[in-house]
Amino acid sequence: MASGGSKSAAFILLIINLGLYFIVTVAAAWAVNHGIQRSRETASVLEIPARIFPIYFPIGNMATGYFVIFSLIAGLVGMGTSLIGLNHVAYWDAPNLHAAATASLATLALTLLTMGFACKEIELGWTDSNLRTLEIITIVVSATQLFCTGAIHAGVEDVNARQRRQLGAF
């Protein structure tokens, strides 16, 4: 029966994602805090367009602001989705799996957007070692979220097929 494999895979991937999204949230929160504390003195010596730019970070490059903000949002949304997804996957019925699949797909889209900013930051050049760690973990969590979304959607298909078979028997 395929549902046992999909259920255990989804459950394990949700636990892994919960840990990875927690690390992303902590690293992004550190970067936001560091940026708030140091941006005033660092931005005062910049040229006029960069000085008035609202998302300037003294570490990294000009893509760092977007990357850190979206990493924080994706980390928080991913942690919430993973926690709720664990509950939904434990029930393993159609309404709960549809809710988990929808939330997982939305989190995947947000995580892929964040991964795009991480790739752009890598392309632009030098970043701090803490930001490099955040970039790597963001790329890894994008892959695990993709596999988790696939496992949940496979479970949805399996549960729907099982329900169709049961309705056909009547």
N, C-alpha and C. Protein backbone atom coordinates (compact mmCIF):
# COMPACT_ATOMS: atom_id res chain seq x y z
N MET A 1 0.85 -1.18 0.00
CA MET A 1 0.00 0.00 0.00
C MET A 1 0.89 1.24 0.00
N ALA A 2 0.66 2.15 -0.91
CA ALA A 2 1.53 3.30 -1.09
C ALA A 2 1.36 4.36 -0.01
N SER A 3 0.23 4.39 0.65
CA SER A 3 -0.01 5.46 1.61
C SER A 3 0.92 5.39 2.81
N GLY A 4 1.36 4.18 3.20
CA GLY A 4 2.27 4.07 4.33
C GLY A 4 3.61 4.70 4.04
N GLY A 5 4.11 4.49 2.82
CA GLY A 5 5.39 5.09 2.44
C GLY A 5 5.30 6.60 2.31
N SER A 6 4.23 7.08 1.71
CA SER A 6 4.06 8.53 1.57
C SER A 6 3.86 9.19 2.92
N LYS A 7 3.13 8.53 3.80
CA LYS A 7 2.87 9.12 5.11
C LYS A 7 4.15 9.22 5.92
N SER A 8 4.95 8.16 5.93
CA SER A 8 6.19 8.21 6.71
C SER A 8 7.19 9.17 6.09
N ALA A 9 7.25 9.23 4.75
CA ALA A 9 8.16 10.17 4.10
C ALA A 9 7.76 11.61 4.39
N ALA A 10 6.47 11.88 4.29
CA ALA A 10 5.99 13.24 4.57
C ALA A 10 6.24 13.61 6.02
N PHE A 11 6.02 12.67 6.92
CA PHE A 11 6.21 12.94 8.35
C PHE A 11 7.68 13.24 8.65
N ILE A 12 8.59 12.44 8.12
CA ILE A 12 10.03 12.65 8.35
C ILE A 12 10.48 13.97 7.72
N LEU A 13 10.03 14.24 6.49
CA LEU A 13 10.42 15.49 5.84
C LEU A 13 9.86 16.71 6.56
N LEU A 14 8.68 16.60 7.13
CA LEU A 14 8.12 17.72 7.90
C LEU A 14 8.95 17.98 9.16
N ILE A 15 9.42 16.93 9.80
CA ILE A 15 10.27 17.12 10.99
C ILE A 15 11.61 17.76 10.59
N ILE A 16 12.20 17.29 9.50
CA ILE A 16 13.45 17.88 9.02
C ILE A 16 13.24 19.34 8.65
N ASN A 17 12.13 19.63 7.94
CA ASN A 17 11.85 21.01 7.56
C ASN A 17 11.63 21.91 8.77
N LEU A 18 11.01 21.38 9.80
CA LEU A 18 10.80 22.18 11.01
C LEU A 18 12.14 22.62 11.58
N GLY A 19 13.08 21.70 11.66
CA GLY A 19 14.41 22.05 12.16
C GLY A 19 15.14 23.03 11.24
N LEU A 20 15.07 22.80 9.94
CA LEU A 20 15.76 23.69 9.00
C LEU A 20 15.14 25.08 8.98
N TYR A 21 13.82 25.15 9.02
CA TYR A 21 13.17 26.46 9.05
C TYR A 21 13.46 27.19 10.36
N PHE A 22 13.63 26.46 11.45
CA PHE A 22 14.02 27.10 12.71
C PHE A 22 15.41 27.72 12.58
N ILE A 23 16.35 27.00 11.97
CA ILE A 23 17.69 27.54 11.76
C ILE A 23 17.65 28.77 10.85
N VAL A 24 16.84 28.71 9.79
CA VAL A 24 16.70 29.86 8.89
C VAL A 24 16.14 31.06 9.65
N THR A 25 15.13 30.84 10.48
CA THR A 25 14.52 31.93 11.24
C THR A 25 15.52 32.56 12.20
N VAL A 26 16.28 31.74 12.90
CA VAL A 26 17.25 32.26 13.87
C VAL A 26 18.36 33.05 13.14
N ALA A 27 18.87 32.52 12.05
CA ALA A 27 19.93 33.21 11.32
C ALA A 27 19.43 34.51 10.70
N ALA A 28 18.22 34.49 10.14
CA ALA A 28 17.66 35.71 9.55
C ALA A 28 17.34 36.75 10.62
N ALA A 29 16.86 36.31 11.77
CA ALA A 29 16.58 37.25 12.86
C ALA A 29 17.88 37.88 13.36
N TRP A 30 18.96 37.10 13.42
CA TRP A 30 20.25 37.66 13.81
C TRP A 30 20.69 38.72 12.79
N ALA A 31 20.53 38.42 11.50
CA ALA A 31 20.95 39.37 10.47
C ALA A 31 20.13 40.65 10.52
N VAL A 32 18.83 40.53 10.77
CA VAL A 32 17.99 41.73 10.89
C VAL A 32 18.43 42.56 12.10
N ASN A 33 18.67 41.91 13.22
CA ASN A 33 19.12 42.61 14.42
C ASN A 33 20.47 43.28 14.17
N HIS A 34 21.37 42.58 13.55
CA HIS A 34 22.69 43.14 13.26
C HIS A 34 22.58 44.32 12.29
N GLY A 35 21.70 44.18 11.30
CA GLY A 35 21.51 45.26 10.34
C GLY A 35 20.91 46.50 10.98
N ILE A 36 19.97 46.31 11.90
CA ILE A 36 19.36 47.46 12.58
C ILE A 36 20.37 48.17 13.46
N GLN A 37 21.22 47.42 14.14
CA GLN A 37 22.20 48.03 15.04
C GLN A 37 23.31 48.76 14.31
N ARG A 38 23.75 48.27 13.15
CA ARG A 38 24.91 48.84 12.50
C ARG A 38 24.62 49.66 11.27
N SER A 39 23.39 49.72 10.78
CA SER A 39 23.14 50.38 9.51
C SER A 39 23.24 51.90 9.59
N ARG A 40 22.97 52.49 10.74
CA ARG A 40 23.00 53.95 10.83
C ARG A 40 24.40 54.51 10.56
N GLU A 41 25.41 53.97 11.24
CA GLU A 41 26.75 54.51 11.01
C GLU A 41 27.33 54.08 9.67
N THR A 42 26.96 52.92 9.18
CA THR A 42 27.49 52.46 7.91
C THR A 42 26.84 53.17 6.74
N ALA A 43 25.55 53.39 6.80
CA ALA A 43 24.83 54.03 5.70
C ALA A 43 25.10 55.52 5.62
N SER A 44 25.60 56.14 6.65
CA SER A 44 25.84 57.58 6.62
C SER A 44 26.97 57.96 5.69
N VAL A 45 27.86 57.05 5.36
CA VAL A 45 28.98 57.37 4.47
C VAL A 45 28.70 56.99 3.02
N LEU A 46 27.55 56.41 2.74
CA LEU A 46 27.22 55.99 1.38
C LEU A 46 26.73 57.16 0.54
N GLU A 47 26.69 56.92 -0.77
CA GLU A 47 26.13 57.90 -1.70
C GLU A 47 24.63 58.05 -1.44
N ILE A 48 24.02 59.09 -1.98
CA ILE A 48 22.64 59.44 -1.64
C ILE A 48 21.60 58.37 -1.98
N PRO A 49 21.63 57.67 -3.13
CA PRO A 49 20.55 56.68 -3.32
C PRO A 49 20.63 55.53 -2.32
N ALA A 50 21.81 55.06 -2.01
CA ALA A 50 21.94 53.93 -1.08
C ALA A 50 21.66 54.36 0.35
N ARG A 51 21.94 55.61 0.69
CA ARG A 51 21.74 56.07 2.05
C ARG A 51 20.26 56.13 2.42
N ILE A 52 19.41 56.44 1.46
CA ILE A 52 17.98 56.52 1.76
C ILE A 52 17.25 55.22 1.46
N PHE A 53 17.99 54.21 0.99
CA PHE A 53 17.40 52.90 0.71
C PHE A 53 16.95 52.27 2.02
N PRO A 54 15.68 51.89 2.15
CA PRO A 54 15.18 51.44 3.45
C PRO A 54 15.67 50.06 3.89
N ILE A 55 16.12 49.24 2.96
CA ILE A 55 16.55 47.90 3.33
C ILE A 55 18.05 47.78 3.04
N TYR A 56 18.85 48.50 3.77
CA TYR A 56 20.30 48.42 3.61
C TYR A 56 20.87 47.64 4.79
N PHE A 57 21.75 46.70 4.49
CA PHE A 57 22.41 45.93 5.52
C PHE A 57 23.91 46.17 5.42
N PRO A 58 24.56 46.41 6.55
CA PRO A 58 26.00 46.69 6.52
C PRO A 58 26.85 45.46 6.21
N ILE A 59 26.27 44.29 6.24
CA ILE A 59 26.97 43.07 5.88
C ILE A 59 26.44 42.60 4.54
N GLY A 60 27.26 41.96 3.77
CA GLY A 60 26.80 41.43 2.49
C GLY A 60 26.83 42.47 1.38
N ASN A 61 25.89 42.35 0.45
CA ASN A 61 25.84 43.26 -0.69
C ASN A 61 24.43 43.85 -0.79
N MET A 62 24.11 44.45 -1.93
CA MET A 62 22.81 45.13 -2.04
C MET A 62 21.62 44.17 -2.11
N ALA A 63 21.83 42.89 -2.34
CA ALA A 63 20.73 41.92 -2.34
C ALA A 63 20.45 41.38 -0.94
N THR A 64 21.31 41.69 0.01
CA THR A 64 21.20 41.12 1.35
C THR A 64 19.91 41.54 2.04
N GLY A 65 19.48 42.75 1.88
CA GLY A 65 18.27 43.23 2.54
C GLY A 65 17.05 42.41 2.14
N TYR A 66 16.87 42.24 0.84
CA TYR A 66 15.74 41.46 0.37
C TYR A 66 15.86 40.00 0.82
N PHE A 67 17.06 39.46 0.71
CA PHE A 67 17.27 38.06 1.07
C PHE A 67 16.97 37.82 2.54
N VAL A 68 17.44 38.69 3.41
CA VAL A 68 17.24 38.49 4.84
C VAL A 68 15.77 38.65 5.22
N ILE A 69 15.10 39.64 4.69
CA ILE A 69 13.69 39.85 5.01
C ILE A 69 12.84 38.67 4.54
N PHE A 70 13.06 38.24 3.30
CA PHE A 70 12.28 37.10 2.79
C PHE A 70 12.67 35.80 3.49
N SER A 71 13.92 35.67 3.92
CA SER A 71 14.32 34.48 4.68
C SER A 71 13.58 34.43 6.02
N LEU A 72 13.46 35.57 6.66
CA LEU A 72 12.74 35.62 7.93
C LEU A 72 11.26 35.25 7.74
N ILE A 73 10.65 35.80 6.71
CA ILE A 73 9.25 35.48 6.44
C ILE A 73 9.09 34.01 6.07
N ALA A 74 9.96 33.51 5.19
CA ALA A 74 9.86 32.10 4.78
C ALA A 74 10.13 31.17 5.95
N GLY A 75 11.05 31.54 6.83
CA GLY A 75 11.33 30.70 7.99
C GLY A 75 10.15 30.61 8.93
N LEU A 76 9.51 31.73 9.19
CA LEU A 76 8.35 31.72 10.08
C LEU A 76 7.16 30.99 9.46
N VAL A 77 6.90 31.24 8.19
CA VAL A 77 5.80 30.56 7.52
C VAL A 77 6.10 29.06 7.41
N GLY A 78 7.35 28.71 7.13
CA GLY A 78 7.72 27.31 7.03
C GLY A 78 7.61 26.58 8.34
N MET A 79 7.99 27.22 9.44
CA MET A 79 7.83 26.59 10.75
C MET A 79 6.35 26.34 11.06
N GLY A 80 5.53 27.33 10.78
CA GLY A 80 4.09 27.17 11.02
C GLY A 80 3.49 26.09 10.14
N THR A 81 3.87 26.06 8.88
CA THR A 81 3.36 25.05 7.97
C THR A 81 3.82 23.65 8.38
N SER A 82 5.05 23.53 8.83
CA SER A 82 5.56 22.23 9.25
C SER A 82 4.84 21.73 10.50
N LEU A 83 4.62 22.62 11.45
CA LEU A 83 3.89 22.21 12.65
C LEU A 83 2.46 21.79 12.34
N ILE A 84 1.78 22.59 11.55
CA ILE A 84 0.40 22.27 11.19
C ILE A 84 0.37 21.04 10.28
N GLY A 85 1.36 20.93 9.39
CA GLY A 85 1.42 19.78 8.50
C GLY A 85 1.62 18.47 9.24
N LEU A 86 2.39 18.50 10.34
CA LEU A 86 2.55 17.29 11.15
C LEU A 86 1.21 16.82 11.69
N ASN A 87 0.38 17.75 12.13
CA ASN A 87 -0.94 17.40 12.63
C ASN A 87 -1.82 16.85 11.50
N HIS A 88 -1.80 17.50 10.34
CA HIS A 88 -2.62 17.07 9.22
C HIS A 88 -2.19 15.70 8.70
N VAL A 89 -0.90 15.47 8.61
CA VAL A 89 -0.40 14.20 8.10
C VAL A 89 -0.70 13.07 9.08
N ALA A 90 -0.75 13.36 10.36
CA ALA A 90 -1.06 12.32 11.34
C ALA A 90 -2.48 11.78 11.13
N TYR A 91 -3.41 12.62 10.72
CA TYR A 91 -4.78 12.15 10.47
C TYR A 91 -4.90 11.37 9.16
N TRP A 92 -4.20 11.82 8.12
CA TRP A 92 -4.10 11.15 6.82
C TRP A 92 -5.47 10.85 6.21
N ASP A 93 -6.33 11.86 6.18
CA ASP A 93 -7.59 11.75 5.45
C ASP A 93 -7.66 12.90 4.46
N ALA A 94 -8.65 12.86 3.57
CA ALA A 94 -8.71 13.80 2.45
C ALA A 94 -8.75 15.27 2.87
N PRO A 95 -9.62 15.70 3.78
CA PRO A 95 -9.64 17.13 4.11
C PRO A 95 -8.33 17.62 4.72
N ASN A 96 -7.74 16.82 5.61
CA ASN A 96 -6.50 17.23 6.24
C ASN A 96 -5.34 17.24 5.25
N LEU A 97 -5.30 16.26 4.35
CA LEU A 97 -4.22 16.23 3.37
C LEU A 97 -4.35 17.36 2.35
N HIS A 98 -5.56 17.71 1.99
CA HIS A 98 -5.74 18.85 1.07
C HIS A 98 -5.26 20.15 1.73
N ALA A 99 -5.56 20.32 3.00
CA ALA A 99 -5.08 21.51 3.72
C ALA A 99 -3.56 21.51 3.81
N ALA A 100 -2.97 20.36 4.11
CA ALA A 100 -1.52 20.26 4.20
C ALA A 100 -0.87 20.50 2.84
N ALA A 101 -1.49 19.99 1.77
CA ALA A 101 -0.94 20.18 0.43
C ALA A 101 -0.97 21.64 0.02
N THR A 102 -2.05 22.33 0.33
CA THR A 102 -2.15 23.75 -0.01
C THR A 102 -1.13 24.58 0.75
N ALA A 103 -1.02 24.34 2.04
CA ALA A 103 -0.05 25.09 2.84
C ALA A 103 1.37 24.77 2.42
N SER A 104 1.63 23.53 2.10
CA SER A 104 2.96 23.13 1.67
C SER A 104 3.33 23.77 0.33
N LEU A 105 2.38 23.87 -0.57
CA LEU A 105 2.64 24.49 -1.86
C LEU A 105 2.90 25.99 -1.73
N ALA A 106 2.15 26.65 -0.87
CA ALA A 106 2.38 28.09 -0.63
C ALA A 106 3.75 28.32 0.01
N THR A 107 4.12 27.47 0.95
CA THR A 107 5.43 27.59 1.59
C THR A 107 6.54 27.30 0.59
N LEU A 108 6.32 26.34 -0.30
CA LEU A 108 7.32 26.04 -1.33
C LEU A 108 7.54 27.25 -2.23
N ALA A 109 6.47 27.92 -2.62
CA ALA A 109 6.61 29.10 -3.47
C ALA A 109 7.40 30.20 -2.76
N LEU A 110 7.11 30.44 -1.50
CA LEU A 110 7.83 31.45 -0.75
C LEU A 110 9.29 31.07 -0.54
N THR A 111 9.54 29.79 -0.30
CA THR A 111 10.91 29.33 -0.10
C THR A 111 11.71 29.40 -1.39
N LEU A 112 11.07 29.11 -2.53
CA LEU A 112 11.77 29.22 -3.81
C LEU A 112 12.09 30.68 -4.15
N LEU A 113 11.20 31.59 -3.77
CA LEU A 113 11.50 33.02 -3.95
C LEU A 113 12.71 33.41 -3.12
N THR A 114 12.75 32.93 -1.89
CA THR A 114 13.89 33.22 -1.02
C THR A 114 15.17 32.59 -1.57
N MET A 115 15.06 31.38 -2.12
CA MET A 115 16.22 30.75 -2.72
C MET A 115 16.72 31.55 -3.92
N GLY A 116 15.81 32.16 -4.67
CA GLY A 116 16.21 33.02 -5.77
C GLY A 116 17.02 34.21 -5.29
N PHE A 117 16.61 34.82 -4.19
CA PHE A 117 17.38 35.93 -3.63
C PHE A 117 18.74 35.44 -3.11
N ALA A 118 18.79 34.23 -2.57
CA ALA A 118 20.06 33.66 -2.11
C ALA A 118 21.00 33.46 -3.28
N CYS A 119 20.48 32.96 -4.39
CA CYS A 119 21.31 32.77 -5.58
C CYS A 119 21.79 34.11 -6.13
N LYS A 120 20.95 35.11 -6.09
CA LYS A 120 21.35 36.44 -6.55
C LYS A 120 22.44 37.02 -5.66
N GLU A 121 22.31 36.80 -4.36
CA GLU A 121 23.33 37.29 -3.44
C GLU A 121 24.66 36.59 -3.67
N ILE A 122 24.61 35.30 -3.93
CA ILE A 122 25.84 34.56 -4.23
C ILE A 122 26.46 35.08 -5.52
N GLU A 123 25.63 35.39 -6.50
CA GLU A 123 26.12 35.90 -7.78
C GLU A 123 26.78 37.27 -7.63
N LEU A 124 26.23 38.12 -6.77
CA LEU A 124 26.76 39.47 -6.63
C LEU A 124 28.11 39.53 -5.94
N GLY A 125 28.40 38.57 -5.10
CA GLY A 125 29.75 38.57 -4.54
C GLY A 125 29.81 38.34 -3.05
N TRP A 126 30.80 38.93 -2.45
CA TRP A 126 31.21 38.66 -1.08
C TRP A 126 30.09 38.83 -0.09
N THR A 127 29.98 37.84 0.81
CA THR A 127 29.06 37.94 1.94
C THR A 127 29.75 37.41 3.18
N ASP A 128 29.20 37.75 4.31
CA ASP A 128 29.69 37.30 5.60
C ASP A 128 29.48 35.79 5.75
N SER A 129 30.24 35.15 6.62
CA SER A 129 30.11 33.69 6.79
C SER A 129 28.74 33.31 7.36
N ASN A 130 28.16 34.16 8.19
CA ASN A 130 26.81 33.87 8.71
C ASN A 130 25.76 33.94 7.59
N LEU A 131 25.94 34.89 6.68
CA LEU A 131 25.01 34.96 5.55
C LEU A 131 25.23 33.80 4.60
N ARG A 132 26.47 33.36 4.44
CA ARG A 132 26.75 32.21 3.59
C ARG A 132 26.04 30.97 4.13
N THR A 133 26.06 30.83 5.45
CA THR A 133 25.35 29.71 6.09
C THR A 133 23.85 29.81 5.83
N LEU A 134 23.30 31.01 5.95
CA LEU A 134 21.88 31.21 5.69
C LEU A 134 21.53 30.89 4.23
N GLU A 135 22.42 31.26 3.31
CA GLU A 135 22.19 30.97 1.90
C GLU A 135 22.15 29.46 1.66
N ILE A 136 23.11 28.74 2.23
CA ILE A 136 23.20 27.30 2.02
C ILE A 136 21.97 26.60 2.61
N ILE A 137 21.60 26.97 3.82
CA ILE A 137 20.46 26.31 4.46
C ILE A 137 19.17 26.64 3.71
N THR A 138 19.07 27.84 3.16
CA THR A 138 17.89 28.19 2.37
C THR A 138 17.79 27.33 1.12
N ILE A 139 18.90 27.08 0.48
CA ILE A 139 18.90 26.23 -0.71
C ILE A 139 18.55 24.79 -0.34
N VAL A 140 19.08 24.29 0.78
CA VAL A 140 18.78 22.93 1.22
C VAL A 140 17.31 22.80 1.60
N VAL A 141 16.77 23.78 2.33
CA VAL A 141 15.36 23.69 2.75
C VAL A 141 14.43 23.82 1.54
N SER A 142 14.86 24.47 0.48
CA SER A 142 14.05 24.51 -0.74
C SER A 142 13.89 23.11 -1.33
N ALA A 143 14.98 22.35 -1.33
CA ALA A 143 14.91 20.98 -1.86
C ALA A 143 14.06 20.08 -0.98
N THR A 144 14.26 20.17 0.34
CA THR A 144 13.48 19.31 1.22
C THR A 144 12.00 19.69 1.20
N GLN A 145 11.71 20.97 1.05
CA GLN A 145 10.31 21.39 0.96
C GLN A 145 9.68 20.88 -0.34
N LEU A 146 10.45 20.84 -1.41
CA LEU A 146 9.95 20.30 -2.67
C LEU A 146 9.61 18.82 -2.53
N PHE A 147 10.50 18.06 -1.91
CA PHE A 147 10.23 16.64 -1.69
C PHE A 147 9.04 16.43 -0.75
N CYS A 148 8.94 17.25 0.28
CA CYS A 148 7.83 17.15 1.22
C CYS A 148 6.50 17.46 0.52
N THR A 149 6.48 18.47 -0.30
CA THR A 149 5.27 18.81 -1.05
C THR A 149 4.89 17.66 -1.98
N GLY A 150 5.88 17.06 -2.62
CA GLY A 150 5.61 15.91 -3.48
C GLY A 150 5.05 14.73 -2.71
N ALA A 151 5.59 14.46 -1.53
CA ALA A 151 5.10 13.33 -0.72
C ALA A 151 3.67 13.58 -0.25
N ILE A 152 3.36 14.81 0.13
CA ILE A 152 1.99 15.12 0.57
C ILE A 152 1.02 15.02 -0.61
N HIS A 153 1.43 15.51 -1.78
CA HIS A 153 0.55 15.41 -2.94
C HIS A 153 0.37 13.96 -3.39
N ALA A 154 1.39 13.13 -3.24
CA ALA A 154 1.24 11.70 -3.53
C ALA A 154 0.24 11.07 -2.57
N GLY A 155 0.28 11.49 -1.32
CA GLY A 155 -0.69 11.01 -0.34
C GLY A 155 -2.10 11.44 -0.68
N VAL A 156 -2.25 12.66 -1.18
CA VAL A 156 -3.57 13.15 -1.58
C VAL A 156 -4.11 12.29 -2.72
N GLU A 157 -3.27 12.00 -3.70
CA GLU A 157 -3.70 11.16 -4.82
C GLU A 157 -4.08 9.76 -4.34
N ASP A 158 -3.31 9.21 -3.41
CA ASP A 158 -3.60 7.87 -2.90
C ASP A 158 -4.92 7.84 -2.13
N VAL A 159 -5.14 8.84 -1.29
CA VAL A 159 -6.39 8.89 -0.52
C VAL A 159 -7.57 9.11 -1.44
N ASN A 160 -7.41 9.95 -2.47
CA ASN A 160 -8.51 10.16 -3.42
C ASN A 160 -8.82 8.89 -4.20
N ALA A 161 -7.79 8.15 -4.60
CA ALA A 161 -8.01 6.90 -5.33
C ALA A 161 -8.70 5.87 -4.43
N ARG A 162 -8.31 5.82 -3.17
CA ARG A 162 -8.93 4.90 -2.23
C ARG A 162 -10.42 5.24 -2.03
N GLN A 163 -10.71 6.54 -1.93
CA GLN A 163 -12.11 6.96 -1.77
C GLN A 163 -12.94 6.63 -3.02
N ARG A 164 -12.33 6.79 -4.22
CA ARG A 164 -13.04 6.46 -5.45
C ARG A 164 -13.35 4.97 -5.53
N ARG A 165 -12.39 4.15 -5.09
CA ARG A 165 -12.61 2.70 -5.07
C ARG A 165 -13.73 2.34 -4.11
N GLN A 166 -13.76 2.99 -2.94
CA GLN A 166 -14.80 2.70 -1.97
C GLN A 166 -16.17 3.13 -2.47
N LEU A 167 -16.24 4.25 -3.15
CA LEU A 167 -17.53 4.72 -3.69
C LEU A 167 -17.98 3.83 -4.84
N GLY A 168 -17.04 3.31 -5.60
CA GLY A 168 -17.38 2.42 -6.71
C GLY A 168 -17.88 1.08 -6.25
N ALA A 169 -17.49 0.68 -5.02
CA ALA A 169 -17.93 -0.61 -4.50
C ALA A 169 -19.40 -0.57 -4.09
N PHE A 170 -19.93 0.58 -3.80
CA PHE A 170 -21.32 0.67 -3.37
C PHE A 170 -22.24 0.67 -4.51
